[in-house]
């Protein structure tokens, strides 16, 4: 009996002391059975708050990036619009020069001994149109093209043998585009139906 009593305290002493931290998470963190870390409630709440702050900063950053991109697009649109206005003013100033060159070429072609002058004028005209093309201004195709009210202004209609109706047969004044924007329409003469042709109308059979 005394021997059992003597051994019991030793057995009790052999049991490892329990750490209150393992029983109650509020006392800190302790290793779990898989070697991970168990956080206290206070630590969990702190991490949760930090995660919320992180998400808020991320949302602010994303909004700032979106605002910057929108601002950049607005600036680019403004720059493009300002450039178009400047080029339109340039076109308005220089298109009369193109008209003068055209008239000079026509006059030289109708004059005697104007071959040398024509060659020189054509060189000037070529360089002039190349300079306009460099800033996006180009002449509108007219002669031989179907009449297009978006780009052509019909000054006169006349029947022309062998030419389809509504075809541009002569250009009186060149038209120009700035990119895809009309600067001025080409003034043209358009082929009309011959007078002896009859065009059926919806009322003809009534």
Protein backbone atom coordinates (compact mmCIF):
# COMPACT_ATOMS: atom_id res chain seq x y z
CA UNK A 1 0.00 0.00 0.00
CA UNK A 2 2.78 2.40 0.86
CA UNK A 3 4.60 1.44 -2.30
CA UNK A 4 1.56 2.42 -4.44
CA UNK A 5 1.32 5.73 -2.72
CA UNK A 6 5.01 6.36 -3.23
CA UNK A 7 4.77 5.63 -6.97
CA UNK A 8 1.66 7.76 -7.64
CA UNK A 9 3.28 11.16 -7.07
CA UNK A 10 6.10 10.11 -9.34
CA UNK A 11 3.62 9.18 -12.08
CA UNK A 12 1.83 12.46 -11.62
CA UNK A 13 5.10 14.30 -11.78
CA UNK A 14 5.96 12.52 -15.03
CA UNK A 15 2.92 14.03 -16.82
CA UNK A 16 3.89 17.17 -18.79
CA UNK A 17 2.51 20.39 -17.49
CA UNK A 18 -0.30 21.78 -19.66
CA UNK A 19 0.15 25.18 -21.18
CA UNK A 20 -2.88 27.36 -20.68
CA UNK A 21 -2.12 28.83 -24.11
CA UNK A 22 -3.08 25.50 -25.65
CA UNK A 23 -6.43 25.56 -23.90
CA UNK A 24 -7.34 29.21 -24.52
CA UNK A 25 -6.39 31.03 -27.76
CA UNK A 26 -6.62 34.33 -25.94
CA UNK A 27 -3.24 33.65 -24.36
CA UNK A 28 -1.35 33.88 -27.66
CA UNK A 29 -0.61 31.45 -30.45
CA UNK A 30 0.44 27.87 -30.21
CA UNK A 31 1.31 25.11 -32.63
CA UNK A 32 -1.60 22.96 -33.72
CA UNK A 33 -1.46 19.26 -34.45
CA UNK A 34 -0.29 19.86 -38.06
CA UNK A 35 2.46 22.28 -37.20
CA UNK A 36 0.48 25.40 -38.22
CA UNK A 37 -0.17 28.49 -36.15
CA UNK A 38 -3.35 29.20 -34.25
CA UNK A 39 -4.01 32.94 -33.92
CA UNK A 40 -5.63 34.59 -31.01
CA UNK A 41 -8.91 36.38 -31.56
CA UNK A 42 -7.18 39.75 -31.22
CA UNK A 43 -4.58 38.79 -33.80
CA UNK A 44 -7.29 37.55 -36.16
CA UNK A 45 -9.19 40.83 -35.87
CA UNK A 46 -5.99 42.78 -36.48
CA UNK A 47 -5.20 40.79 -39.61
CA UNK A 48 -8.77 41.19 -40.80
CA UNK A 49 -8.51 44.95 -40.38
CA UNK A 50 -5.19 45.00 -42.25
CA UNK A 51 -6.71 42.97 -45.09
CA UNK A 52 -9.57 45.48 -45.29
CA UNK A 53 -7.09 48.35 -45.49
CA UNK A 54 -5.17 46.52 -48.19
CA UNK A 55 -8.33 46.02 -50.24
CA UNK A 56 -9.27 49.68 -49.82
CA UNK A 57 -5.82 50.84 -50.97
CA UNK A 58 -6.08 48.48 -53.94
CA UNK A 59 -9.47 49.94 -54.89
CA UNK A 60 -8.07 53.45 -54.62
CA UNK A 61 -5.11 52.50 -56.78
CA UNK A 62 -7.37 50.96 -59.41
CA UNK A 63 -9.56 54.09 -59.44
CA UNK A 64 -6.46 56.28 -59.75
CA UNK A 65 -5.18 54.22 -62.69
CA UNK A 66 -8.59 54.36 -64.40
CA UNK A 67 -8.82 58.13 -63.83
CA UNK A 68 -5.33 58.60 -65.27
CA UNK A 69 -6.15 56.51 -68.35
CA UNK A 70 -9.37 58.48 -68.92
CA UNK A 71 -7.47 61.74 -68.54
CA UNK A 72 -4.85 60.54 -71.00
CA UNK A 73 -7.56 59.67 -73.53
CA UNK A 74 -9.20 63.10 -73.09
CA UNK A 75 -5.84 64.80 -73.62
CA UNK A 76 -5.23 62.76 -76.77
CA UNK A 77 -8.69 63.63 -78.11
CA UNK A 78 -8.08 67.29 -77.35
CA UNK A 79 -4.70 67.17 -79.10
CA UNK A 80 -6.24 65.46 -82.13
CA UNK A 81 -9.03 68.04 -82.29
CA UNK A 82 -6.54 70.91 -81.98
CA UNK A 83 -4.41 69.38 -84.72
CA UNK A 84 -7.43 69.02 -87.01
CA UNK A 85 -8.37 72.67 -86.44
CA UNK A 86 -4.82 73.78 -87.23
CA UNK A 87 -4.65 71.64 -90.37
CA UNK A 88 -8.05 72.87 -91.50
CA UNK A 89 -6.81 76.45 -91.18
CA UNK A 90 -3.70 75.47 -93.13
CA UNK A 91 -5.83 73.94 -95.86
CA UNK A 92 -8.02 77.04 -96.09
CA UNK A 93 -4.88 79.15 -96.56
CA UNK A 94 -3.15 76.95 -99.13
CA UNK A 95 -5.94 75.56 -101.29
CA UNK A 96 -6.21 78.85 -103.21
CA UNK A 97 -2.57 78.25 -104.18
CA UNK A 98 -3.60 74.91 -105.66
CA UNK A 99 -6.33 76.68 -107.62
CA UNK A 100 -3.83 79.22 -108.94
CA UNK A 101 -1.45 76.48 -110.03
CA UNK A 102 -4.28 74.74 -111.86
CA UNK A 103 -5.26 77.91 -113.68
CA UNK A 104 -1.63 78.62 -114.58
CA UNK A 105 -1.25 75.14 -116.04
CA UNK A 106 -4.44 75.55 -118.05
CA UNK A 107 -3.28 78.91 -119.38
CA UNK A 108 0.14 77.54 -120.29
CA UNK A 109 -1.44 74.60 -122.11
CA UNK A 110 -3.48 77.01 -124.24
CA UNK A 111 -0.56 79.28 -125.06
CA UNK A 112 2.01 78.86 -127.81
CA UNK A 113 5.45 77.80 -126.66
CA UNK A 114 4.20 77.00 -123.20
CA UNK A 115 5.70 73.51 -123.06
CA UNK A 116 8.66 74.58 -120.93
CA UNK A 117 6.42 76.56 -118.61
CA UNK A 118 4.07 73.61 -118.25
CA UNK A 119 6.91 71.33 -117.20
CA UNK A 120 8.06 73.79 -114.54
CA UNK A 121 4.55 74.34 -113.25
CA UNK A 122 3.90 70.62 -113.03
CA UNK A 123 7.03 70.18 -110.92
CA UNK A 124 5.84 72.93 -108.58
CA UNK A 125 2.37 71.41 -108.44
CA UNK A 126 3.80 67.97 -107.67
CA UNK A 127 5.88 69.30 -104.78
CA UNK A 128 2.95 71.32 -103.49
CA UNK A 129 0.61 68.33 -103.40
CA UNK A 130 3.30 66.20 -101.81
CA UNK A 131 3.62 68.78 -99.02
CA UNK A 132 -0.16 68.73 -98.52
CA UNK A 133 -0.16 64.92 -98.41
CA UNK A 134 2.48 65.10 -95.69
CA UNK A 135 -0.07 66.71 -93.36
CA UNK A 136 -2.96 64.48 -94.45
CA UNK A 137 -4.56 66.72 -97.10
CA UNK A 138 -5.27 65.03 -100.42
CA UNK A 139 -7.32 65.84 -103.54
CA UNK A 140 -10.61 64.08 -104.22
CA UNK A 141 -10.84 61.76 -107.22
CA UNK A 142 -13.39 63.24 -109.58
CA UNK A 143 -13.13 62.78 -113.37
CA UNK A 144 -14.42 59.38 -114.45
CA UNK A 145 -15.90 58.64 -111.04
CA UNK A 146 -19.61 58.18 -110.32
CA UNK A 147 -21.08 61.38 -108.94
CA UNK A 148 -20.99 61.33 -105.14
CA UNK A 149 -22.85 64.17 -103.41
CA UNK A 150 -20.68 63.66 -100.34
CA UNK A 151 -17.58 64.71 -102.26
CA UNK A 152 -18.77 66.33 -105.50
CA UNK A 153 -20.72 69.49 -106.20
CA UNK A 154 -22.49 69.34 -109.56
CA UNK A 155 -22.21 72.73 -111.25
CA UNK A 156 -23.63 71.53 -114.57
CA UNK A 157 -25.22 68.44 -116.08
CA UNK A 158 -24.87 67.73 -119.77
CA UNK A 159 -25.39 64.70 -122.02
CA UNK A 160 -22.10 63.15 -123.14
CA UNK A 161 -22.13 60.43 -125.77
CA UNK A 162 -20.72 57.11 -124.59
CA UNK A 163 -20.48 58.16 -120.94
CA UNK A 164 -22.77 56.61 -118.32
CA UNK A 165 -25.27 58.92 -116.71
CA UNK A 166 -24.18 60.51 -113.42
CA UNK A 167 -20.49 60.15 -114.24
CA UNK A 168 -18.17 63.10 -113.59
CA UNK A 169 -16.85 64.23 -116.97
CA UNK A 170 -15.00 67.42 -116.03
CA UNK A 171 -13.53 68.97 -112.91
CA UNK A 172 -13.87 72.72 -112.58
CA UNK A 173 -12.35 73.06 -109.13
CA UNK A 174 -10.49 70.46 -107.12
CA UNK A 175 -11.94 69.12 -103.90
CA UNK A 176 -9.86 68.10 -100.91
CA UNK A 177 -10.05 65.82 -97.88
CA UNK A 178 -8.27 66.18 -94.56
CA UNK A 179 -7.93 62.57 -93.51
CA UNK A 180 -11.52 61.41 -94.01
CA UNK A 181 -13.02 64.85 -93.36
CA UNK A 182 -14.25 66.93 -96.28
CA UNK A 183 -12.45 70.26 -96.60
CA UNK A 184 -14.28 71.30 -99.74
CA UNK A 185 -16.15 69.37 -102.44
CA UNK A 186 -14.93 69.14 -106.00
CA UNK A 187 -16.93 71.32 -108.41
CA UNK A 188 -17.73 69.14 -111.40
CA UNK A 189 -19.72 68.67 -114.57
CA UNK A 190 -21.78 65.48 -114.59
CA UNK A 191 -23.01 63.43 -117.54
CA UNK A 192 -26.78 63.54 -117.94
CA UNK A 193 -29.08 61.24 -119.85
CA UNK A 194 -29.37 62.20 -123.54
CA UNK A 195 -32.48 64.16 -124.42
CA UNK A 196 -33.84 61.38 -126.65
CA UNK A 197 -33.77 58.82 -123.84
CA UNK A 198 -37.03 58.24 -121.97
CA UNK A 199 -36.92 57.29 -118.36
CA UNK A 200 -39.80 55.20 -117.09
CA UNK A 201 -41.45 56.61 -114.01
CA UNK A 202 -43.77 54.85 -111.57
CA UNK A 203 -46.71 56.83 -113.05
CA UNK A 204 -45.98 55.79 -116.64
CA UNK A 205 -48.07 52.60 -116.43
CA UNK A 206 -50.95 54.17 -114.52
